[in-house]
Amino acid sequence: MLSAKRPALMLNSARSKPFSGLYSHCLQSACSSSHGQGRREAELLAAWRRQVGSALRWALGFLRAGWSAAGASGAMAPRGERKKMVSILASQCSYVTGQRLRRAQQIGQLYNNLYSERSRRSLFTNLWRKFQSRHSGSGKLVVAFAAVFMWDEEKIHDEELQRCVNDFRDVDSLMEEKQPGRAPVSSEEHHQHGNVWELVMDQCSFRLWRRPIPGTHLYQYRVYGTYTDVTPRQFFNVQLDTEYRKKWDELVIKLEVVERDEASGSEVVHWVTHFPYPMYSRDYLYIRRYHVDQQNNTMVLLSRGVEHPHVPEHPNCVRVTSYESQMVIKPHRSFDENGFDYLLTYSDDPQTVFPRYCVSWMMSSGMPDFLNKLHAAAVRAKNMEIKIKDYISVRSSENTETKQLQHSERKDSSCNSQQMDYA
């Protein structure tokens, strides 16, 4: 949700250079429109207060006039007159309410025509915050419930991890295409997306495909590669270690774990990264979960964008809400021996104003650069230059402790049940 005062083109006006021609005119118009939005918010709120206050003052004045007339006559008005008075008041209030609702609908339609969905959400959020600040006592309970991350609704399910493994099994169909062009896909993928993968890059260590995402101007990317000079465990841990990534990825501004679910091992991560000048930095808020299958000799890491009540959007960053990354690693022999294959499937919406081919070019060139940095960081970790956390061992020990605790609880429950039967 973007700030209402941010230019619609999401350019960093504090550092941007002057533009020329039609693009400069559009940029200035968008900036002046967004700067005037705050003033219109205040005018809308003030008009709403005046209208509601006027209706309340009219109703109170009507009641006072009726009761003062009854008091002046020395007796209460007859029951029929009182019912008539209440009926008139009710019809008048319903008329005023209908007028207010129609006016609110017209205002909503006006803002729907003037602003984008994100700008409208920003407007109503600001109005809600102002209302909440004036009614903090009644809103505390709502805020308490709203500040809880719903793990049951947002968690990554086992079925999603299994789909990633199935994609790795179907990679042979992608490898059939040796030259840039169309590559076949499985029948399930063709049924879901209605299109095929296109090979756009073929190097000695990896291949890169892409396919359009239906209904958008974006692509989904898939990389299949092989490394023989690093172990699967080291490559997997490097991707999970947030502290180590701050050292080898110079684009990282902020990277931290916001919340963790002990039951599944899932984590909510907040990641802020630099974007090319003169664009704003982008921040990602996503949930990630990994699974290591010792029997099938497979590692899976899945991440996708979520919302968290403790991490609101920052006015100096653009929140990327559409984001998904899937990594499957298949060792050649074992987790601790050099050599493995991997499959990375990635898509996100960086929310830029650049044409589709520009975004595609940036992604196609940025993906190999990221993989090269990731591989170099894994090699340094292998040479013990930097110590990283072993997530595989940590998760295995946590699973063992959980199973022991569950076994102990079942044993205690069984003993208590036997004691109760004996009694």
Protein backbone atom coordinates (compact mmCIF):
# COMPACT_ATOMS: atom_id res chain seq x y z
CA MET A 1 0.00 0.00 0.00
CA LEU A 2 1.69 3.13 -1.21
CA SER A 3 1.83 6.41 0.61
CA ALA A 4 -0.66 9.00 -0.65
CA LYS A 5 2.07 11.61 -0.92
CA ARG A 6 4.36 9.53 -3.13
CA PRO A 7 4.55 10.29 -6.87
CA ALA A 8 2.54 7.80 -8.88
CA LEU A 9 5.58 6.81 -10.96
CA MET A 10 7.48 5.74 -7.83
CA LEU A 11 10.59 7.72 -8.68
CA ASN A 12 12.90 9.09 -6.02
CA SER A 13 12.24 12.81 -6.46
CA ALA A 14 14.92 13.76 -3.95
CA ARG A 15 17.67 12.33 -6.14
CA SER A 16 16.16 12.19 -9.62
CA LYS A 17 17.57 14.16 -12.56
CA PRO A 18 15.33 16.39 -14.71
CA PHE A 19 13.38 14.65 -17.48
CA SER A 20 12.40 16.18 -20.79
CA GLY A 21 9.51 16.08 -23.24
CA LEU A 22 6.17 14.37 -22.73
CA TYR A 23 7.53 12.05 -20.02
CA SER A 24 8.58 15.03 -17.89
CA HIS A 25 5.15 16.62 -18.31
CA CYS A 26 3.39 13.42 -17.24
CA LEU A 27 5.72 13.06 -14.27
CA GLN A 28 5.06 16.60 -13.08
CA SER A 29 1.29 16.16 -13.49
CA ALA A 30 1.36 12.94 -11.51
CA CYS A 31 3.42 14.57 -8.75
CA SER A 32 1.11 17.58 -8.44
CA SER A 33 -1.91 15.26 -8.41
CA SER A 34 -0.48 13.11 -5.64
CA HIS A 35 0.57 16.15 -3.57
CA GLY A 36 -2.96 17.53 -3.82
CA GLN A 37 -4.41 14.28 -2.59
CA GLY A 38 -3.57 15.06 1.04
CA ARG A 39 -5.45 18.36 0.81
CA ARG A 40 -8.49 16.62 -0.67
CA GLU A 41 -8.38 14.06 2.14
CA ALA A 42 -8.60 16.84 4.72
CA GLU A 43 -11.45 18.54 2.82
CA LEU A 44 -13.37 15.27 2.56
CA LEU A 45 -12.97 14.56 6.27
CA ALA A 46 -14.00 18.11 7.23
CA ALA A 47 -17.09 17.97 5.00
CA TRP A 48 -18.11 14.63 6.49
CA ARG A 49 -17.81 16.04 10.01
CA ARG A 50 -19.93 19.09 9.12
CA GLN A 51 -22.66 16.94 7.60
CA VAL A 52 -22.86 14.49 10.49
CA GLY A 53 -22.74 17.32 13.05
CA SER A 54 -25.52 19.17 11.24
CA ALA A 55 -27.76 16.10 11.27
CA LEU A 56 -27.18 15.52 14.98
CA ARG A 57 -27.80 19.16 15.87
CA TRP A 58 -31.04 19.11 13.86
CA ALA A 59 -32.29 15.98 15.64
CA LEU A 60 -31.44 17.34 19.09
CA GLY A 61 -33.08 20.66 18.29
CA PHE A 62 -36.22 18.88 17.11
CA LEU A 63 -36.46 16.89 20.32
CA ARG A 64 -35.82 19.92 22.52
CA ALA A 65 -38.51 21.91 20.72
CA GLY A 66 -41.06 19.14 21.18
CA TRP A 67 -40.38 18.64 24.86
CA SER A 68 -40.21 22.38 25.60
CA ALA A 69 -43.63 22.84 23.97
CA ALA A 70 -45.04 20.05 26.08
CA GLY A 71 -43.53 21.58 29.23
CA ALA A 72 -44.94 25.03 28.45
CA SER A 73 -48.47 23.65 28.24
CA GLY A 74 -48.06 22.15 31.70
CA ALA A 75 -48.76 18.62 30.57
CA MET A 76 -47.28 15.95 28.36
CA ALA A 77 -48.43 15.87 24.74
CA PRO A 78 -51.07 13.27 23.94
CA ARG A 79 -49.86 9.81 23.06
CA GLY A 80 -50.98 10.14 19.44
CA GLU A 81 -49.06 13.38 18.97
CA ARG A 82 -45.96 11.87 20.52
CA LYS A 83 -46.16 8.89 18.13
CA LYS A 84 -46.63 11.25 15.21
CA MET A 85 -43.63 13.29 16.32
CA VAL A 86 -41.46 10.17 16.57
CA SER A 87 -42.68 8.99 13.16
CA ILE A 88 -41.76 12.34 11.56
CA LEU A 89 -38.34 12.25 13.23
CA ALA A 90 -37.71 8.67 12.05
CA SER A 91 -38.67 9.43 8.45
CA GLN A 92 -36.52 12.58 8.46
CA CYS A 93 -33.53 10.68 9.88
CA SER A 94 -33.92 7.92 7.26
CA TYR A 95 -34.09 10.58 4.53
CA VAL A 96 -30.93 12.26 5.82
CA THR A 97 -29.19 8.89 6.13
CA GLY A 98 -30.14 8.01 2.56
CA GLN A 99 -28.76 11.33 1.33
CA ARG A 100 -25.50 10.71 3.21
CA LEU A 101 -25.16 7.22 1.79
CA ARG A 102 -25.78 8.41 -1.75
CA ARG A 103 -23.26 11.20 -1.31
CA ALA A 104 -20.71 8.75 0.09
CA GLN A 105 -21.30 6.48 -2.92
CA GLN A 106 -20.75 9.41 -5.28
CA ILE A 107 -17.55 10.36 -3.47
CA GLY A 108 -16.35 6.75 -3.65
CA GLN A 109 -17.07 6.63 -7.39
CA LEU A 110 -15.19 9.90 -7.87
CA TYR A 111 -12.11 8.60 -6.07
CA ASN A 112 -12.41 5.34 -8.00
CA ASN A 113 -12.10 7.33 -11.24
CA LEU A 114 -9.32 9.63 -10.03
CA TYR A 115 -6.97 7.30 -8.17
CA SER A 116 -5.56 3.82 -8.48
CA GLU A 117 -6.46 0.99 -6.12
CA ARG A 118 -3.36 1.51 -3.98
CA SER A 119 -4.00 5.24 -3.64
CA ARG A 120 -7.57 4.57 -2.56
CA ARG A 121 -6.42 2.05 0.00
CA SER A 122 -3.91 4.60 1.32
CA LEU A 123 -6.65 7.24 1.60
CA PHE A 124 -9.06 5.04 3.53
CA THR A 125 -6.24 3.78 5.75
CA ASN A 126 -5.36 7.36 6.71
CA LEU A 127 -9.03 8.12 7.44
CA TRP A 128 -9.26 4.98 9.57
CA ARG A 129 -6.15 5.96 11.54
CA LYS A 130 -7.60 9.41 12.24
CA PHE A 131 -10.85 7.83 13.39
CA GLN A 132 -8.95 5.31 15.50
CA SER A 133 -6.91 8.04 17.21
CA ARG A 134 -10.13 9.75 18.27
CA HIS A 135 -11.74 6.49 19.45
CA SER A 136 -8.72 4.71 20.86
CA GLY A 137 -10.65 3.16 23.74
CA SER A 138 -13.19 1.35 21.58
CA GLY A 139 -10.62 0.39 18.94
CA LYS A 140 -8.10 -1.31 21.22
CA LEU A 141 -9.79 -4.70 20.95
CA VAL A 142 -9.92 -4.52 17.15
CA VAL A 143 -6.28 -3.50 17.00
CA ALA A 144 -5.32 -6.38 19.29
CA PHE A 145 -6.93 -8.90 16.96
CA ALA A 146 -5.58 -7.19 13.85
CA ALA A 147 -1.98 -7.31 15.16
CA VAL A 148 -1.84 -11.12 15.10
CA PHE A 149 -0.34 -12.93 12.13
CA MET A 150 -2.64 -15.78 11.07
CA TRP A 151 -0.28 -18.71 10.58
CA ASP A 152 -3.07 -21.17 9.78
CA GLU A 153 -4.22 -19.06 6.83
CA GLU A 154 -0.82 -17.93 5.51
CA LYS A 155 1.35 -20.98 6.14
CA ILE A 156 2.97 -22.96 3.33
CA HIS A 157 1.37 -26.38 3.06
CA ASP A 158 3.02 -29.72 2.35
CA GLU A 159 1.21 -29.90 -0.99
CA GLU A 160 3.02 -26.76 -2.18
CA LEU A 161 6.39 -28.29 -1.32
CA GLN A 162 5.44 -31.46 -3.14
CA ARG A 163 4.51 -29.50 -6.27
CA CYS A 164 8.01 -28.04 -6.29
CA VAL A 165 9.50 -31.54 -6.21
CA ASN A 166 7.19 -32.58 -9.07
CA ASP A 167 8.42 -29.62 -11.13
CA PHE A 168 11.98 -30.85 -10.67
CA ARG A 169 10.97 -34.29 -11.93
CA ASP A 170 9.49 -32.72 -15.07
CA VAL A 171 12.63 -30.74 -15.87
CA ASP A 172 13.72 -33.33 -18.43
CA SER A 173 11.06 -31.99 -20.79
CA LEU A 174 12.65 -28.55 -20.57
CA MET A 175 16.10 -29.95 -21.29
CA GLU A 176 14.92 -31.34 -24.64
CA GLU A 177 15.15 -27.85 -26.16
CA LYS A 178 18.83 -27.14 -26.89
CA GLN A 179 18.50 -23.77 -28.59
CA PRO A 180 16.53 -20.63 -27.65
CA GLY A 181 12.88 -21.12 -28.48
CA ARG A 182 9.81 -22.89 -27.20
CA ALA A 183 10.16 -25.82 -24.85
CA PRO A 184 7.49 -28.38 -23.99
CA VAL A 185 5.94 -28.65 -20.53
CA SER A 186 3.97 -31.25 -18.65
CA SER A 187 0.26 -31.65 -19.35
CA GLU A 188 -0.58 -30.31 -15.85
CA GLU A 189 1.38 -27.09 -16.41
CA HIS A 190 -0.14 -26.62 -19.85
CA HIS A 191 -3.62 -27.05 -18.39
CA GLN A 192 -2.94 -24.51 -15.62
CA HIS A 193 -1.17 -21.81 -17.62
CA GLY A 194 -2.05 -22.49 -21.24
CA ASN A 195 1.46 -21.58 -22.45
CA VAL A 196 4.95 -23.03 -22.66
CA TRP A 197 8.42 -22.14 -21.46
CA GLU A 198 10.78 -20.20 -23.73
CA LEU A 199 14.53 -20.78 -23.48
CA VAL A 200 16.22 -17.36 -23.32
CA MET A 201 19.72 -18.20 -22.06
CA ASP A 202 21.93 -21.28 -22.34
CA GLN A 203 25.26 -21.30 -20.50
CA CYS A 204 27.57 -24.04 -19.37
CA SER A 205 26.41 -24.00 -15.75
CA PHE A 206 22.70 -23.20 -16.14
CA ARG A 207 19.79 -22.59 -18.49
CA LEU A 208 17.14 -19.90 -18.13
CA TRP A 209 13.54 -20.13 -19.36
CA ARG A 210 10.61 -17.78 -19.07
CA ARG A 211 6.88 -17.77 -19.79
CA PRO A 212 4.26 -15.01 -19.59
CA ILE A 213 1.96 -14.89 -16.58
CA PRO A 214 -1.63 -14.81 -17.87
CA GLY A 215 -3.46 -11.54 -17.34
CA THR A 216 -0.29 -9.54 -16.59
CA HIS A 217 2.69 -8.00 -18.39
CA LEU A 218 5.11 -10.11 -16.32
CA TYR A 219 7.09 -13.30 -16.82
CA GLN A 220 7.77 -16.29 -14.64
CA TYR A 221 11.39 -17.49 -14.78
CA ARG A 222 12.91 -20.92 -14.31
CA VAL A 223 16.60 -21.75 -13.96
CA TYR A 224 18.12 -25.22 -14.04
CA GLY A 225 21.80 -25.47 -13.14
CA THR A 226 24.59 -27.66 -11.81
CA TYR A 227 27.54 -27.03 -9.47
CA THR A 228 30.34 -29.47 -8.78
CA ASP A 229 32.66 -27.49 -6.47
CA VAL A 230 30.36 -27.01 -3.46
CA THR A 231 28.18 -29.26 -1.32
CA PRO A 232 24.37 -29.11 -1.34
CA ARG A 233 24.33 -28.42 2.40
CA GLN A 234 26.51 -25.32 2.05
CA PHE A 235 24.56 -23.98 -0.93
CA PHE A 236 21.27 -24.52 0.92
CA ASN A 237 22.45 -22.89 4.16
CA VAL A 238 23.82 -19.83 2.37
CA GLN A 239 20.34 -19.06 1.04
CA LEU A 240 18.76 -19.34 4.49
CA ASP A 241 21.35 -17.45 6.54
CA THR A 242 20.07 -13.84 6.61
CA GLU A 243 23.11 -12.53 8.49
CA TYR A 244 25.53 -13.95 5.96
CA ARG A 245 23.58 -12.53 3.03
CA LYS A 246 24.03 -9.01 4.40
CA LYS A 247 27.76 -9.55 3.83
CA TRP A 248 27.82 -11.01 0.31
CA ASP A 249 24.85 -9.15 -1.23
CA GLU A 250 25.65 -5.42 -1.41
CA LEU A 251 22.09 -4.60 -2.54
CA VAL A 252 20.59 -5.58 0.80
CA ILE A 253 19.46 -2.64 2.92
CA LYS A 254 17.59 -4.63 5.53
CA LEU A 255 17.03 -8.35 6.02
CA GLU A 256 15.55 -9.80 9.19
CA VAL A 257 13.23 -12.53 10.45
CA VAL A 258 10.02 -10.93 11.76
CA GLU A 259 8.30 -13.98 13.23
CA ARG A 260 8.80 -17.73 13.34
CA ASP A 261 6.43 -20.67 13.65
CA GLU A 262 8.08 -23.36 15.75
CA ALA A 263 5.64 -26.07 14.66
CA SER A 264 6.45 -25.92 10.95
CA GLY A 265 9.76 -24.06 11.00
CA SER A 266 8.30 -21.36 8.76
CA GLU A 267 9.53 -17.77 9.01
CA VAL A 268 8.25 -14.35 7.98
CA VAL A 269 11.14 -12.33 6.52
CA HIS A 270 11.37 -8.61 5.76
CA TRP A 271 13.81 -7.80 2.97
CA VAL A 272 14.63 -4.28 1.68
CA THR A 273 16.83 -4.04 -1.41
CA HIS A 274 18.26 -1.29 -3.61
CA PHE A 275 16.76 -0.74 -7.06
CA PRO A 276 18.45 0.98 -10.02
CA TYR A 277 18.58 4.78 -9.85
CA PRO A 278 16.33 6.80 -9.87
CA MET A 279 13.72 4.31 -8.57
CA TYR A 280 12.75 3.82 -4.95
CA SER A 281 14.08 0.86 -3.01
CA ARG A 282 11.82 -2.19 -2.94
CA ASP A 283 10.85 -4.09 0.18
CA TYR A 284 9.61 -7.67 0.28
CA LEU A 285 7.63 -9.25 3.10
CA TYR A 286 7.39 -12.98 2.59
CA ILE A 287 6.93 -16.27 4.37
CA ARG A 288 9.41 -19.05 3.73
CA ARG A 289 9.54 -22.72 4.59
CA TYR A 290 12.11 -25.38 3.83
CA HIS A 291 12.09 -29.15 3.92
CA VAL A 292 14.92 -31.68 3.74
CA ASP A 293 13.98 -35.18 2.64
CA GLN A 294 16.76 -37.52 3.69
CA GLN A 295 15.14 -40.59 2.13
CA ASN A 296 14.57 -39.06 -1.32
CA ASN A 297 17.77 -37.01 -1.16
CA THR A 298 15.99 -33.69 -1.86
CA MET A 299 15.96 -30.15 -0.44
CA VAL A 300 13.12 -27.69 -0.99
CA LEU A 301 12.89 -23.97 -0.15
CA LEU A 302 9.66 -22.10 -0.90
CA SER A 303 8.93 -18.37 -0.36
CA ARG A 304 5.93 -16.20 -1.24
CA GLY A 305 4.69 -12.74 -0.35
CA VAL A 306 2.43 -12.13 2.66
CA GLU A 307 1.23 -9.24 4.82
CA HIS A 308 2.17 -8.85 8.48
CA PRO A 309 0.61 -6.39 10.96
CA HIS A 310 3.98 -5.57 12.55
CA VAL A 311 5.62 -4.50 9.27
CA PRO A 312 3.67 -1.66 7.64
CA GLU A 313 4.76 -0.13 4.37
CA HIS A 314 7.43 2.56 4.56
CA PRO A 315 6.99 5.81 2.61
CA ASN A 316 10.53 5.59 1.22
CA CYS A 317 10.08 2.07 -0.20
CA VAL A 318 7.75 0.36 -2.62
CA ARG A 319 6.21 -2.83 -1.22
CA VAL A 320 6.35 -5.79 -3.64
CA THR A 321 3.25 -7.83 -2.82
CA SER A 322 3.38 -10.30 -5.72
CA TYR A 323 6.45 -12.46 -5.10
CA GLU A 324 7.24 -16.18 -5.21
CA SER A 325 10.46 -18.18 -5.23
CA GLN A 326 10.94 -21.96 -5.32
CA MET A 327 14.27 -23.76 -5.04
CA VAL A 328 14.73 -27.53 -5.30
CA ILE A 329 18.19 -29.07 -4.79
CA LYS A 330 19.05 -32.64 -5.77
CA PRO A 331 22.49 -33.87 -4.60
CA HIS A 332 24.48 -36.09 -6.95
CA ARG A 333 25.44 -38.34 -4.04
CA SER A 334 24.85 -36.94 -0.54
CA PHE A 335 24.26 -33.61 1.22
CA ASP A 336 27.92 -33.33 2.27
CA GLU A 337 29.62 -34.28 -1.01
CA ASN A 338 30.36 -31.88 -3.84
CA GLY A 339 27.93 -31.86 -6.75
CA PHE A 340 24.21 -31.18 -7.13
CA ASP A 341 21.52 -30.00 -9.54
CA TYR A 342 19.03 -27.27 -8.69
CA LEU A 343 15.83 -25.83 -10.11
CA LEU A 344 14.86 -22.22 -9.29
CA THR A 345 11.41 -20.88 -10.25
CA TYR A 346 10.91 -17.18 -9.63
CA SER A 347 8.37 -14.42 -10.26
CA ASP A 348 7.60 -11.00 -8.80
CA ASP A 349 5.99 -7.68 -9.71
CA PRO A 350 8.55 -4.89 -9.10
CA GLN A 351 5.87 -2.25 -9.88
CA THR A 352 7.88 -0.20 -12.32
CA VAL A 353 6.73 2.09 -15.13
CA PHE A 354 9.17 0.56 -17.59
CA PRO A 355 7.93 -1.43 -20.60
CA ARG A 356 7.69 -5.18 -20.47
CA TYR A 357 10.81 -5.78 -22.54
CA CYS A 358 12.88 -3.57 -20.18
CA VAL A 359 11.74 -5.50 -17.11
CA SER A 360 12.40 -8.77 -18.92
CA TRP A 361 15.92 -7.62 -19.83
CA MET A 362 16.68 -6.60 -16.23
CA MET A 363 15.45 -9.95 -14.90
CA SER A 364 17.29 -11.96 -17.54
CA SER A 365 20.56 -10.17 -16.77
CA GLY A 366 20.03 -9.93 -13.00
CA MET A 367 19.30 -13.63 -12.47
CA PRO A 368 22.73 -14.89 -13.63
CA ASP A 369 24.45 -12.19 -11.59
CA PHE A 370 22.57 -13.25 -8.45
CA LEU A 371 23.36 -16.93 -9.00
CA ASN A 372 27.05 -16.15 -9.49
CA LYS A 373 27.11 -14.21 -6.21
CA LEU A 374 25.25 -17.00 -4.43
CA HIS A 375 27.69 -19.60 -5.75
CA ALA A 376 30.73 -17.50 -4.77
CA ALA A 377 29.30 -17.05 -1.24
CA ALA A 378 28.83 -20.81 -0.94
CA VAL A 379 32.41 -21.42 -2.04
CA ARG A 380 33.70 -18.98 0.60
CA ALA A 381 31.59 -20.74 3.22
CA LYS A 382 33.02 -24.07 2.11
CA ASN A 383 36.57 -22.76 2.51
CA MET A 384 35.64 -21.80 6.10
CA GLU A 385 36.26 -18.13 5.46
CA ILE A 386 32.86 -17.36 7.03
CA LYS A 387 30.92 -19.60 9.37
CA ILE A 388 27.23 -19.97 8.61
CA LYS A 389 24.35 -21.58 10.43
CA ASP A 390 23.57 -25.20 9.61
CA TYR A 391 19.80 -25.11 9.17
CA ILE A 392 19.56 -28.78 8.26
CA SER A 393 21.03 -29.96 11.57
CA VAL A 394 19.03 -27.40 13.55
CA ARG A 395 15.77 -28.49 11.97
CA SER A 396 16.62 -32.17 12.46
CA SER A 397 17.31 -31.62 16.17
CA GLU A 398 14.09 -29.64 16.53
CA ASN A 399 12.12 -32.44 14.90
CA THR A 400 13.76 -34.96 17.21
CA GLU A 401 12.95 -32.89 20.29
CA THR A 402 9.35 -32.44 19.11
CA LYS A 403 8.91 -36.17 18.59
CA GLN A 404 10.39 -36.91 22.03
CA LEU A 405 8.08 -34.35 23.63
CA GLN A 406 5.04 -35.77 21.85
CA HIS A 407 6.03 -39.30 22.86
CA SER A 408 6.47 -38.18 26.49
CA GLU A 409 3.08 -36.46 26.47
CA ARG A 410 1.39 -39.55 25.04
CA LYS A 411 3.10 -41.70 27.67
CA ASP A 412 1.99 -39.40 30.51
CA SER A 413 -1.53 -39.33 29.14
CA SER A 414 -1.61 -43.13 28.97
CA CYS A 415 -0.36 -43.43 32.57
CA ASN A 416 -2.97 -40.97 33.82
CA SER A 417 -5.69 -42.86 31.97
CA GLN A 418 -4.60 -46.16 33.54
CA GLN A 419 -4.58 -44.59 37.00
CA MET A 420 -8.08 -43.25 36.51
CA ASP A 421 -9.31 -46.69 35.33
CA TYR A 422 -7.72 -48.32 38.36
CA ALA A 423 -9.33 -45.80 40.69
